[in-house]
Amino acid sequence: MRAVIRTGLLGTTISFSDDQPHPLPDGAALKPTALIIKVKAAAINPVDYKLPRMAGGKGVGFDVSGVVEKVGSGVSDFAAGDEVFGRVTPLGSKCGSLADYAIVEMEEVAKKPVYLSFDEAAALGVAYLTGFQSLGKGNGPAEGAVSLGSSLPPQWEMAKNADVLELVDYSDADALKKFKEENAGKFDCIYDTATASGGGEDYESTFPTLLKEGTGEYVQINGKPMTLVKAAAGKLPKQRNFVMLQPKTTGQLEEVASLLEKGGMKPHLNIKSFDEKGVDEGFEALKSRRTKGKIVFSMD
């Protein structure tokens, strides 16, 4: 079958292959809580190319959508033929979501709503669940919440279409400094998705001063090495939260999809073909950190 795998001496090279074995060898037993799905679409995240083989396993990819082919003996909420979406848990596995077939845990997928295509549903895994869990940490999500963003001007039009109230050019040091001075102590929640994301970003050192004293919450999904150590030890300062995606997400996936449908919203996609050329283009775009839309590989 086709699959994307980690190759090379250190297992950090992302390679497309068209002769990988099925994730469940002939005669092997399927874990009671698992499902085998025929993958219809799969999406990628920065973690997919950052993890070496030793940490991430041979297979690449988390986000997935597809059709159930077989279920384990302990699975009662899904059956062959169901259309599902969610996450593969490939850490240490030979196969991730970027493959013709994948094995998923029953608590990490949900039934795909008719409202979403396979491509759209595949985009919702890691990114949307991380956002959902993060806002739950930081005084949200709340109806009527105000969104502000830090971005480069070429991306402003897309941000404005997402109802962002105010935008700041993070490459303009004077504008950023003025924004921080004018907004000290005003925010209920700051959601930091950029610190330590690969371009030398460091918002965690100064942006917490924008929080309301005593009640504001700073929520981040990445950080400097010492931040990671403190988070693991439970030693982060007050009003600071570090989010690692938590498991058992079926209910959250259902709620995310429901919120999208109620709001008449769908993910903005950057669709690539699932072949060597498409995979190379997709990961090159992801590494550029300037892609518009979620990169999704359509298997058909």
C-alpha atoms as a PDB file:
ATOM      1  CA  MET A   1       0.000   0.000   0.000  1.00  0.00           C
ATOM      2  CA  ARG A   2       0.977   3.661  -0.276  1.00  0.00           C
ATOM      3  CA  ALA A   3       2.328   5.294   2.874  1.00  0.00           C
ATOM      4  CA  VAL A   4       4.570   8.084   4.100  1.00  0.00           C
ATOM      5  CA  ILE A   5       7.380   6.858   6.340  1.00  0.00           C
ATOM      6  CA  ARG A   6      10.413   8.149   8.235  1.00  0.00           C
ATOM      7  CA  THR A   7      13.682   7.043   6.646  1.00  0.00           C
ATOM      8  CA  GLY A   8      17.376   7.844   6.870  1.00  0.00           C
ATOM      9  CA  LEU A   9      19.969   7.150   9.542  1.00  0.00           C
ATOM     10  CA  LEU A  10      18.216   9.260  12.180  1.00  0.00           C
ATOM     11  CA  GLY A  11      14.718   8.636  10.861  1.00  0.00           C
ATOM     12  CA  THR A  12      14.094  12.308  10.106  1.00  0.00           C
ATOM     13  CA  THR A  13      13.608  12.080   6.336  1.00  0.00           C
ATOM     14  CA  ILE A  14       9.983  12.084   5.161  1.00  0.00           C
ATOM     15  CA  SER A  15       9.578   9.667   2.233  1.00  0.00           C
ATOM     16  CA  PHE A  16       6.679   8.471   0.096  1.00  0.00           C
ATOM     17  CA  SER A  17       6.483   4.738  -0.570  1.00  0.00           C
ATOM     18  CA  ASP A  18       4.058   2.667  -2.624  1.00  0.00           C
ATOM     19  CA  ASP A  19       5.034  -0.768  -1.320  1.00  0.00           C
ATOM     20  CA  GLN A  20       4.424  -0.684   2.426  1.00  0.00           C
ATOM     21  CA  PRO A  21       2.672  -3.599   4.161  1.00  0.00           C
ATOM     22  CA  HIS A  22      -0.871  -3.379   5.479  1.00  0.00           C
ATOM     23  CA  PRO A  23      -0.816  -2.194   9.136  1.00  0.00           C
ATOM     24  CA  LEU A  24      -2.453  -5.458  10.246  1.00  0.00           C
ATOM     25  CA  PRO A  25      -0.467  -8.403   8.867  1.00  0.00           C
ATOM     26  CA  ASP A  26      -2.317 -11.501   7.676  1.00  0.00           C
ATOM     27  CA  GLY A  27      -3.321 -13.629  10.621  1.00  0.00           C
ATOM     28  CA  ALA A  28      -2.626 -10.929  13.201  1.00  0.00           C
ATOM     29  CA  ALA A  29      -5.312 -10.110  15.768  1.00  0.00           C
ATOM     30  CA  LEU A  30      -6.805  -6.635  15.885  1.00  0.00           C
ATOM     31  CA  LYS A  31      -6.686  -4.979  19.299  1.00  0.00           C
ATOM     32  CA  PRO A  32     -10.173  -5.191  20.905  1.00  0.00           C
ATOM     33  CA  THR A  33     -10.517  -1.388  21.112  1.00  0.00           C
ATOM     34  CA  ALA A  34      -9.186  -0.638  17.624  1.00  0.00           C
ATOM     35  CA  LEU A  35     -10.628  -0.098  14.150  1.00  0.00           C
ATOM     36  CA  ILE A  36      -9.070  -0.537  10.721  1.00  0.00           C
ATOM     37  CA  ILE A  37     -10.072   2.220   8.327  1.00  0.00           C
ATOM     38  CA  LYS A  38      -9.647   2.740   4.617  1.00  0.00           C
ATOM     39  CA  VAL A  39      -8.169   6.230   4.598  1.00  0.00           C
ATOM     40  CA  LYS A  40      -9.942   8.786   2.436  1.00  0.00           C
ATOM     41  CA  ALA A  41      -7.968  11.870   3.502  1.00  0.00           C
ATOM     42  CA  ALA A  42      -5.157  12.741   5.899  1.00  0.00           C
ATOM     43  CA  ALA A  43      -3.746  16.068   7.092  1.00  0.00           C
ATOM     44  CA  ILE A  44      -0.364  17.094   8.461  1.00  0.00           C
ATOM     45  CA  ASN A  45       0.987  19.189  11.327  1.00  0.00           C
ATOM     46  CA  PRO A  46       4.495  20.510  12.139  1.00  0.00           C
ATOM     47  CA  VAL A  47       4.991  17.719  14.677  1.00  0.00           C
ATOM     48  CA  ASP A  48       4.890  15.218  11.799  1.00  0.00           C
ATOM     49  CA  TYR A  49       8.266  16.324  10.424  1.00  0.00           C
ATOM     50  CA  LYS A  50       9.781  17.331  13.761  1.00  0.00           C
ATOM     51  CA  LEU A  51       9.502  13.900  15.380  1.00  0.00           C
ATOM     52  CA  PRO A  52      12.365  11.480  14.603  1.00  0.00           C
ATOM     53  CA  ARG A  53      11.621   7.791  14.016  1.00  0.00           C
ATOM     54  CA  MET A  54      12.790   6.892  17.539  1.00  0.00           C
ATOM     55  CA  ALA A  55      10.025   9.057  19.032  1.00  0.00           C
ATOM     56  CA  GLY A  56       7.348   8.968  16.375  1.00  0.00           C
ATOM     57  CA  GLY A  57       7.715   5.521  14.873  1.00  0.00           C
ATOM     58  CA  LYS A  58       8.067   4.673  11.211  1.00  0.00           C
ATOM     59  CA  GLY A  59       4.610   5.883  10.182  1.00  0.00           C
ATOM     60  CA  VAL A  60       3.808   9.576   9.681  1.00  0.00           C
ATOM     61  CA  GLY A  61       0.658  11.526  10.427  1.00  0.00           C
ATOM     62  CA  PHE A  62      -2.135  11.855  12.996  1.00  0.00           C
ATOM     63  CA  ASP A  63      -5.136  13.517  11.321  1.00  0.00           C
ATOM     64  CA  VAL A  64      -7.366  11.180   9.356  1.00  0.00           C
ATOM     65  CA  SER A  65     -10.787  10.472   7.876  1.00  0.00           C
ATOM     66  CA  GLY A  66     -12.009   7.322   6.200  1.00  0.00           C
ATOM     67  CA  VAL A  67     -14.345   4.341   6.142  1.00  0.00           C
ATOM     68  CA  VAL A  68     -14.293   1.598   8.758  1.00  0.00           C
ATOM     69  CA  GLU A  69     -13.337  -1.820   7.357  1.00  0.00           C
ATOM     70  CA  LYS A  70     -13.071  -3.861  10.548  1.00  0.00           C
ATOM     71  CA  VAL A  71     -13.572  -3.347  14.272  1.00  0.00           C
ATOM     72  CA  GLY A  72     -12.088  -5.010  17.328  1.00  0.00           C
ATOM     73  CA  SER A  73     -14.084  -7.307  19.565  1.00  0.00           C
ATOM     74  CA  GLY A  74     -14.608  -4.575  22.171  1.00  0.00           C
ATOM     75  CA  VAL A  75     -15.936  -1.938  19.772  1.00  0.00           C
ATOM     76  CA  SER A  76     -19.701  -1.351  19.903  1.00  0.00           C
ATOM     77  CA  ASP A  77     -20.167   2.244  18.705  1.00  0.00           C
ATOM     78  CA  PHE A  78     -18.702   1.704  15.229  1.00  0.00           C
ATOM     79  CA  ALA A  79     -19.224  -0.862  12.486  1.00  0.00           C
ATOM     80  CA  ALA A  80     -17.824  -1.674   9.066  1.00  0.00           C
ATOM     81  CA  GLY A  81     -18.960   0.943   6.568  1.00  0.00           C
ATOM     82  CA  ASP A  82     -19.105   3.851   9.042  1.00  0.00           C
ATOM     83  CA  GLU A  83     -17.497   7.090   7.890  1.00  0.00           C
ATOM     84  CA  VAL A  84     -15.214   8.403  10.648  1.00  0.00           C
ATOM     85  CA  PHE A  85     -12.665  11.116  11.393  1.00  0.00           C
ATOM     86  CA  GLY A  86     -10.170  11.860  14.133  1.00  0.00           C
ATOM     87  CA  ARG A  87      -6.633  10.857  15.019  1.00  0.00           C
ATOM     88  CA  VAL A  88      -4.341   7.943  14.487  1.00  0.00           C
ATOM     89  CA  THR A  89      -1.999   7.372  17.440  1.00  0.00           C
ATOM     90  CA  PRO A  90       1.135   6.340  15.528  1.00  0.00           C
ATOM     91  CA  LEU A  91       3.798   6.938  18.169  1.00  0.00           C
ATOM     92  CA  GLY A  92       6.016   3.893  17.991  1.00  0.00           C
ATOM     93  CA  SER A  93       3.875   2.449  15.207  1.00  0.00           C
ATOM     94  CA  LYS A  94       4.773   1.341  11.692  1.00  0.00           C
ATOM     95  CA  CYS A  95       1.880   3.239  10.173  1.00  0.00           C
ATOM     96  CA  GLY A  96       0.427   6.717  10.634  1.00  0.00           C
ATOM     97  CA  SER A  97      -2.516   8.448   8.979  1.00  0.00           C
ATOM     98  CA  LEU A  98      -0.628   9.057   5.721  1.00  0.00           C
ATOM     99  CA  ALA A  99      -1.356   5.626   4.319  1.00  0.00           C
ATOM    100  CA  ASP A 100      -4.041   3.764   2.398  1.00  0.00           C
ATOM    101  CA  TYR A 101      -5.057   1.961   5.600  1.00  0.00           C
ATOM    102  CA  ALA A 102      -4.693   2.961   9.231  1.00  0.00           C
ATOM    103  CA  ILE A 103      -5.460   1.582  12.674  1.00  0.00           C
ATOM    104  CA  VAL A 104      -7.237   3.929  15.079  1.00  0.00           C
ATOM    105  CA  GLU A 105      -8.440   3.652  18.667  1.00  0.00           C
ATOM    106  CA  MET A 106     -12.199   3.799  19.153  1.00  0.00           C
ATOM    107  CA  GLU A 107     -11.898   6.696  21.624  1.00  0.00           C
ATOM    108  CA  GLU A 108      -9.929   8.841  19.159  1.00  0.00           C
ATOM    109  CA  VAL A 109     -12.448   8.954  16.297  1.00  0.00           C
ATOM    110  CA  ALA A 110     -16.042  10.041  15.755  1.00  0.00           C
ATOM    111  CA  LYS A 111     -18.603   9.470  13.034  1.00  0.00           C
ATOM    112  CA  LYS A 112     -18.178  11.969  10.207  1.00  0.00           C
ATOM    113  CA  PRO A 113     -21.142  14.311   9.812  1.00  0.00           C
ATOM    114  CA  VAL A 114     -22.696  14.669   6.363  1.00  0.00           C
ATOM    115  CA  TYR A 115     -21.948  18.398   6.630  1.00  0.00           C
ATOM    116  CA  LEU A 116     -18.222  17.759   6.183  1.00  0.00           C
ATOM    117  CA  SER A 117     -16.404  16.100   3.292  1.00  0.00           C
ATOM    118  CA  PHE A 118     -13.649  13.586   4.006  1.00  0.00           C
ATOM    119  CA  ASP A 119     -11.046  16.250   3.184  1.00  0.00           C
ATOM    120  CA  GLU A 120     -12.646  18.751   5.559  1.00  0.00           C
ATOM    121  CA  ALA A 121     -13.085  16.218   8.357  1.00  0.00           C
ATOM    122  CA  ALA A 122      -9.433  15.136   8.117  1.00  0.00           C
ATOM    123  CA  ALA A 123      -8.365  18.713   8.907  1.00  0.00           C
ATOM    124  CA  LEU A 124     -10.008  18.742  12.336  1.00  0.00           C
ATOM    125  CA  GLY A 125      -7.797  16.383  14.354  1.00  0.00           C
ATOM    126  CA  VAL A 126      -4.745  17.770  16.109  1.00  0.00           C
ATOM    127  CA  ALA A 127      -5.199  21.496  15.427  1.00  0.00           C
ATOM    128  CA  TYR A 128      -8.889  21.798  16.262  1.00  0.00           C
ATOM    129  CA  LEU A 129      -8.691  19.515  19.296  1.00  0.00           C
ATOM    130  CA  THR A 130      -5.692  21.430  20.618  1.00  0.00           C
ATOM    131  CA  GLY A 131      -7.582  24.704  20.229  1.00  0.00           C
ATOM    132  CA  PHE A 132     -10.684  23.237  21.864  1.00  0.00           C
ATOM    133  CA  GLN A 133      -8.763  21.898  24.859  1.00  0.00           C
ATOM    134  CA  SER A 134      -6.662  25.051  25.154  1.00  0.00           C
ATOM    135  CA  LEU A 135      -9.653  27.398  25.282  1.00  0.00           C
ATOM    136  CA  GLY A 136     -11.132  25.154  27.939  1.00  0.00           C
ATOM    137  CA  LYS A 137      -8.037  25.943  30.016  1.00  0.00           C
ATOM    138  CA  GLY A 138      -8.132  29.671  29.421  1.00  0.00           C
ATOM    139  CA  ASN A 139     -11.472  31.179  30.455  1.00  0.00           C
ATOM    140  CA  GLY A 140     -13.248  29.862  27.361  1.00  0.00           C
ATOM    141  CA  PRO A 141     -14.561  29.071  24.890  1.00  0.00           C
ATOM    142  CA  ALA A 142     -17.131  31.797  25.440  1.00  0.00           C
ATOM    143  CA  GLU A 143     -19.939  33.118  23.308  1.00  0.00           C
ATOM    144  CA  GLY A 144     -19.213  36.693  22.275  1.00  0.00           C
ATOM    145  CA  ALA A 145     -15.463  36.359  22.839  1.00  0.00           C
ATOM    146  CA  VAL A 146     -13.204  38.890  21.112  1.00  0.00           C
ATOM    147  CA  SER A 147     -10.357  37.623  18.942  1.00  0.00           C
ATOM    148  CA  LEU A 148      -7.126  39.444  18.260  1.00  0.00           C
ATOM    149  CA  GLY A 149      -4.216  38.196  16.222  1.00  0.00           C
ATOM    150  CA  SER A 150      -0.574  38.764  15.428  1.00  0.00           C
ATOM    151  CA  SER A 151       0.166  38.198  11.767  1.00  0.00           C
ATOM    152  CA  LEU A 152       1.916  39.419   8.654  1.00  0.00           C
ATOM    153  CA  PRO A 153      -0.104  41.769   6.376  1.00  0.00           C
ATOM    154  CA  PRO A 154      -0.429  39.242   3.497  1.00  0.00           C
ATOM    155  CA  GLN A 155      -2.493  36.999   5.804  1.00  0.00           C
ATOM    156  CA  TRP A 156      -4.681  39.771   7.206  1.00  0.00           C
ATOM    157  CA  GLU A 157      -7.555  39.358   4.780  1.00  0.00           C
ATOM    158  CA  MET A 158      -8.039  35.728   5.791  1.00  0.00           C
ATOM    159  CA  ALA A 159      -7.861  36.679   9.473  1.00  0.00           C
ATOM    160  CA  LYS A 160     -10.437  39.437   9.025  1.00  0.00           C
ATOM    161  CA  ASN A 161     -12.801  36.961   7.399  1.00  0.00           C
ATOM    162  CA  ALA A 162     -12.525  34.946  10.624  1.00  0.00           C
ATOM    163  CA  ASP A 163     -13.867  37.931  12.621  1.00  0.00           C
ATOM    164  CA  VAL A 164     -10.534  38.912  14.171  1.00  0.00           C
ATOM    165  CA  LEU A 165     -11.120  42.325  15.733  1.00  0.00           C
ATOM    166  CA  GLU A 166      -7.595  43.717  15.659  1.00  0.00           C
ATOM    167  CA  LEU A 167      -4.383  42.661  13.934  1.00  0.00           C
ATOM    168  CA  VAL A 168      -0.756  43.470  14.730  1.00  0.00           C
ATOM    169  CA  ASP A 169       2.185  42.977  12.365  1.00  0.00           C
ATOM    170  CA  TYR A 170       4.575  40.945  14.504  1.00  0.00           C
ATOM    171  CA  SER A 171       7.501  41.889  12.246  1.00  0.00           C
ATOM    172  CA  ASP A 172       6.998  45.558  13.181  1.00  0.00           C
ATOM    173  CA  ALA A 173       8.771  45.952  16.541  1.00  0.00           C
ATOM    174  CA  ASP A 174       7.373  49.432  17.185  1.00  0.00           C
ATOM    175  CA  ALA A 175       3.777  48.369  16.479  1.00  0.00           C
ATOM    176  CA  LEU A 176       4.134  45.339  18.721  1.00  0.00           C
ATOM    177  CA  LYS A 177       5.647  47.404  21.528  1.00  0.00           C
ATOM    178  CA  LYS A 178       2.847  49.980  21.272  1.00  0.00           C
ATOM    179  CA  PHE A 179       0.208  47.241  21.344  1.00  0.00           C
ATOM    180  CA  LYS A 180       1.674  45.724  24.526  1.00  0.00           C
ATOM    181  CA  GLU A 181       1.934  49.110  26.242  1.00  0.00           C
ATOM    182  CA  GLU A 182      -1.663  50.029  25.405  1.00  0.00           C
ATOM    183  CA  ASN A 183      -3.117  46.680  26.441  1.00  0.00           C
ATOM    184  CA  ALA A 184      -1.292  45.806  29.651  1.00  0.00           C
ATOM    185  CA  GLY A 185      -3.622  44.053  32.092  1.00  0.00           C
ATOM    186  CA  LYS A 186      -6.609  43.957  29.726  1.00  0.00           C
ATOM    187  CA  PHE A 187      -6.882  40.352  28.546  1.00  0.00           C
ATOM    188  CA  ASP A 188      -8.893  37.489  30.021  1.00  0.00           C
ATOM    189  CA  CYS A 189      -7.011  34.926  27.963  1.00  0.00           C
ATOM    190  CA  ILE A 190      -3.986  34.807  25.675  1.00  0.00           C
ATOM    191  CA  TYR A 191      -3.614  31.735  23.483  1.00  0.00           C
ATOM    192  CA  ASP A 192       0.006  31.431  22.356  1.00  0.00           C
ATOM    193  CA  THR A 193       0.490  29.062  19.413  1.00  0.00           C
ATOM    194  CA  ALA A 194       3.705  30.656  18.154  1.00  0.00           C
ATOM    195  CA  THR A 195       6.402  30.700  20.860  1.00  0.00           C
ATOM    196  CA  ALA A 196       9.259  28.331  19.951  1.00  0.00           C
ATOM    197  CA  SER A 197       7.516  27.204  16.765  1.00  0.00           C
ATOM    198  CA  GLY A 198      10.661  27.290  14.670  1.00  0.00           C
ATOM    199  CA  GLY A 199      11.400  30.912  13.826  1.00  0.00           C
ATOM    200  CA  GLY A 200      12.875  32.156  17.106  1.00  0.00           C
ATOM    201  CA  GLU A 201       9.523  33.402  18.419  1.00  0.00           C
ATOM    202  CA  ASP A 202       9.279  34.270  22.104  1.00  0.00           C
ATOM    203  CA  TYR A 203       5.971  35.705  23.246  1.00  0.00           C
ATOM    204  CA  GLU A 204       5.903  33.918  26.590  1.00  0.00           C
ATOM    205  CA  SER A 205       8.534  36.271  28.065  1.00  0.00           C
ATOM    206  CA  THR A 206       6.514  39.475  27.660  1.00  0.00           C
ATOM    207  CA  PHE A 207       2.878  38.794  26.706  1.00  0.00           C
ATOM    208  CA  PRO A 208       1.718  37.558  30.153  1.00  0.00           C
ATOM    209  CA  THR A 209       1.855  41.244  31.229  1.00  0.00           C
ATOM    210  CA  LEU A 210      -1.253  41.764  29.084  1.00  0.00           C
ATOM    211  CA  LEU A 211      -3.336  39.495  31.339  1.00  0.00           C
ATOM    212  CA  LYS A 212      -5.822  40.753  33.876  1.00  0.00           C
ATOM    213  CA  GLU A 213      -4.161  40.461  37.257  1.00  0.00           C
ATOM    214  CA  GLY A 214      -5.277  37.417  39.202  1.00  0.00           C
ATOM    215  CA  THR A 215      -7.852  36.146  36.694  1.00  0.00           C
ATOM    216  CA  GLY A 216      -6.326  36.185  33.214  1.00  0.00           C
ATOM    217  CA  GLU A 217      -4.977  32.938  31.788  1.00  0.00           C
ATOM    218  CA  TYR A 218      -1.983  32.454  29.472  1.00  0.00           C
ATOM    219  CA  VAL A 219      -2.320  29.247  27.477  1.00  0.00           C
ATOM    220  CA  GLN A 220       0.499  27.958  25.276  1.00  0.00           C
ATOM    221  CA  ILE A 221       1.056  24.827  23.213  1.00  0.00           C
ATOM    222  CA  ASN A 222       4.822  25.168  22.810  1.00  0.00           C
ATOM    223  CA  GLY A 223       7.632  26.893  24.646  1.00  0.00           C
ATOM    224  CA  LYS A 224      11.287  27.226  25.528  1.00  0.00           C
ATOM    225  CA  PRO A 225      13.015  24.148  26.999  1.00  0.00           C
ATOM    226  CA  MET A 226      12.764  25.431  30.572  1.00  0.00           C
ATOM    227  CA  THR A 227       9.045  26.065  30.096  1.00  0.00           C
ATOM    228  CA  LEU A 228       8.602  22.440  29.027  1.00  0.00           C
ATOM    229  CA  VAL A 229      10.491  21.250  32.099  1.00  0.00           C
ATOM    230  CA  LYS A 230       8.413  23.417  34.444  1.00  0.00           C
ATOM    231  CA  ALA A 231       5.181  22.321  32.772  1.00  0.00           C
ATOM    232  CA  ALA A 232       6.107  18.644  33.160  1.00  0.00           C
ATOM    233  CA  ALA A 233       6.915  19.233  36.840  1.00  0.00           C
ATOM    234  CA  GLY A 234       3.756  21.271  37.458  1.00  0.00           C
ATOM    235  CA  LYS A 235       5.830  24.327  38.350  1.00  0.00           C
ATOM    236  CA  LEU A 236       4.552  26.953  35.917  1.00  0.00           C
ATOM    237  CA  PRO A 237       3.765  30.372  37.439  1.00  0.00           C
ATOM    238  CA  LYS A 238       0.183  31.258  38.345  1.00  0.00           C
ATOM    239  CA  GLN A 239      -2.056  32.131  35.394  1.00  0.00           C
ATOM    240  CA  ARG A 240       0.159  30.067  33.068  1.00  0.00           C
ATOM    241  CA  ASN A 241      -1.027  26.884  31.339  1.00  0.00           C
ATOM    242  CA  PHE A 242       0.750  24.477  29.009  1.00  0.00           C
ATOM    243  CA  VAL A 243      -1.469  22.225  26.908  1.00  0.00           C
ATOM    244  CA  MET A 244      -0.565  18.786  25.649  1.00  0.00           C
ATOM    245  CA  LEU A 245      -3.331  17.156  23.649  1.00  0.00           C
ATOM    246  CA  GLN A 246      -5.240  14.808  25.943  1.00  0.00           C
ATOM    247  CA  PRO A 247      -6.668  11.459  24.777  1.00  0.00           C
ATOM    248  CA  LYS A 248     -10.238  10.098  24.630  1.00  0.00           C
ATOM    249  CA  THR A 249     -11.470  12.746  22.226  1.00  0.00           C
ATOM    250  CA  THR A 250     -14.563  11.241  20.579  1.00  0.00           C
ATOM    251  CA  GLY A 251     -16.948  13.616  22.358  1.00  0.00           C
ATOM    252  CA  GLN A 252     -14.754  16.624  21.632  1.00  0.00           C
ATOM    253  CA  LEU A 253     -14.551  15.764  17.936  1.00  0.00           C
ATOM    254  CA  GLU A 254     -18.340  15.567  17.833  1.00  0.00           C
ATOM    255  CA  GLU A 255     -18.643  18.954  19.542  1.00  0.00           C
ATOM    256  CA  VAL A 256     -16.100  20.613  17.245  1.00  0.00           C
ATOM    257  CA  ALA A 257     -17.963  19.342  14.178  1.00  0.00           C
ATOM    258  CA  SER A 258     -21.290  20.475  15.667  1.00  0.00           C
ATOM    259  CA  LEU A 259     -19.945  23.971  16.379  1.00  0.00           C
ATOM    260  CA  LEU A 260     -18.689  24.278  12.825  1.00  0.00           C
ATOM    261  CA  GLU A 261     -22.053  23.283  11.398  1.00  0.00           C
ATOM    262  CA  LYS A 262     -23.989  25.616  13.703  1.00  0.00           C
ATOM    263  CA  GLY A 263     -21.734  28.490  12.669  1.00  0.00           C
ATOM    264  CA  GLY A 264     -21.852  27.640   8.978  1.00  0.00           C
ATOM    265  CA  MET A 265     -18.073  27.252   8.956  1.00  0.00           C
ATOM    266  CA  LYS A 266     -15.674  24.838   7.311  1.00  0.00           C
ATOM    267  CA  PRO A 267     -11.867  24.443   7.413  1.00  0.00           C
ATOM    268  CA  HIS A 268      -9.862  26.321   4.803  1.00  0.00           C
ATOM    269  CA  LEU A 269      -7.916  23.650   2.916  1.00  0.00           C
ATOM    270  CA  ASN A 270      -4.795  23.314   0.813  1.00  0.00           C
ATOM    271  CA  ILE A 271      -5.386  19.944  -0.873  1.00  0.00           C
ATOM    272  CA  LYS A 272      -2.523  17.865  -2.260  1.00  0.00           C
ATOM    273  CA  SER A 273      -2.454  14.585  -4.161  1.00  0.00           C
ATOM    274  CA  PHE A 274      -1.245  11.501  -2.328  1.00  0.00           C
ATOM    275  CA  ASP A 275       1.819  10.659  -4.385  1.00  0.00           C
ATOM    276  CA  GLU A 276       5.521  11.466  -4.179  1.00  0.00           C
ATOM    277  CA  LYS A 277       5.129  14.888  -5.800  1.00  0.00           C
ATOM    278  CA  GLY A 278       2.151  15.853  -3.674  1.00  0.00           C
ATOM    279  CA  VAL A 279       3.778  14.710  -0.431  1.00  0.00           C
ATOM    280  CA  ASP A 280       6.977  16.611  -1.207  1.00  0.00           C
ATOM    281  CA  GLU A 281       4.995  19.749  -2.018  1.00  0.00           C
ATOM    282  CA  GLY A 282       2.878  19.416   1.109  1.00  0.00           C
ATOM    283  CA  PHE A 283       5.757  19.086   3.550  1.00  0.00           C
ATOM    284  CA  GLU A 284       7.747  21.820   1.805  1.00  0.00           C
ATOM    285  CA  ALA A 285       4.781  24.160   2.213  1.00  0.00           C
ATOM    286  CA  LEU A 286       4.331  23.149   5.872  1.00  0.00           C
ATOM    287  CA  LYS A 287       8.000  23.765   6.657  1.00  0.00           C
ATOM    288  CA  SER A 288       7.837  27.205   5.019  1.00  0.00           C
ATOM    289  CA  ARG A 289       5.463  28.296   7.822  1.00  0.00           C
ATOM    290  CA  ARG A 290       3.622  30.475   5.298  1.00  0.00           C
ATOM    291  CA  THR A 291       1.013  28.087   3.958  1.00  0.00           C
ATOM    292  CA  LYS A 292      -2.603  29.224   3.766  1.00  0.00           C
ATOM    293  CA  GLY A 293      -5.082  26.576   4.808  1.00  0.00           C
ATOM    294  CA  LYS A 294      -4.693  23.145   6.321  1.00  0.00           C
ATOM    295  CA  ILE A 295      -2.598  20.819   4.144  1.00  0.00           C
ATOM    296  CA  VAL A 296      -4.699  17.749   3.389  1.00  0.00           C
ATOM    297  CA  PHE A 297      -3.837  14.781   1.189  1.00  0.00           C
ATOM    298  CA  SER A 298      -6.763  13.364  -0.737  1.00  0.00           C
ATOM    299  CA  MET A 299      -6.288   9.626  -1.215  1.00  0.00           C
ATOM    300  CA  ASP A 300      -8.617   9.190  -4.198  1.00  0.00           C
END
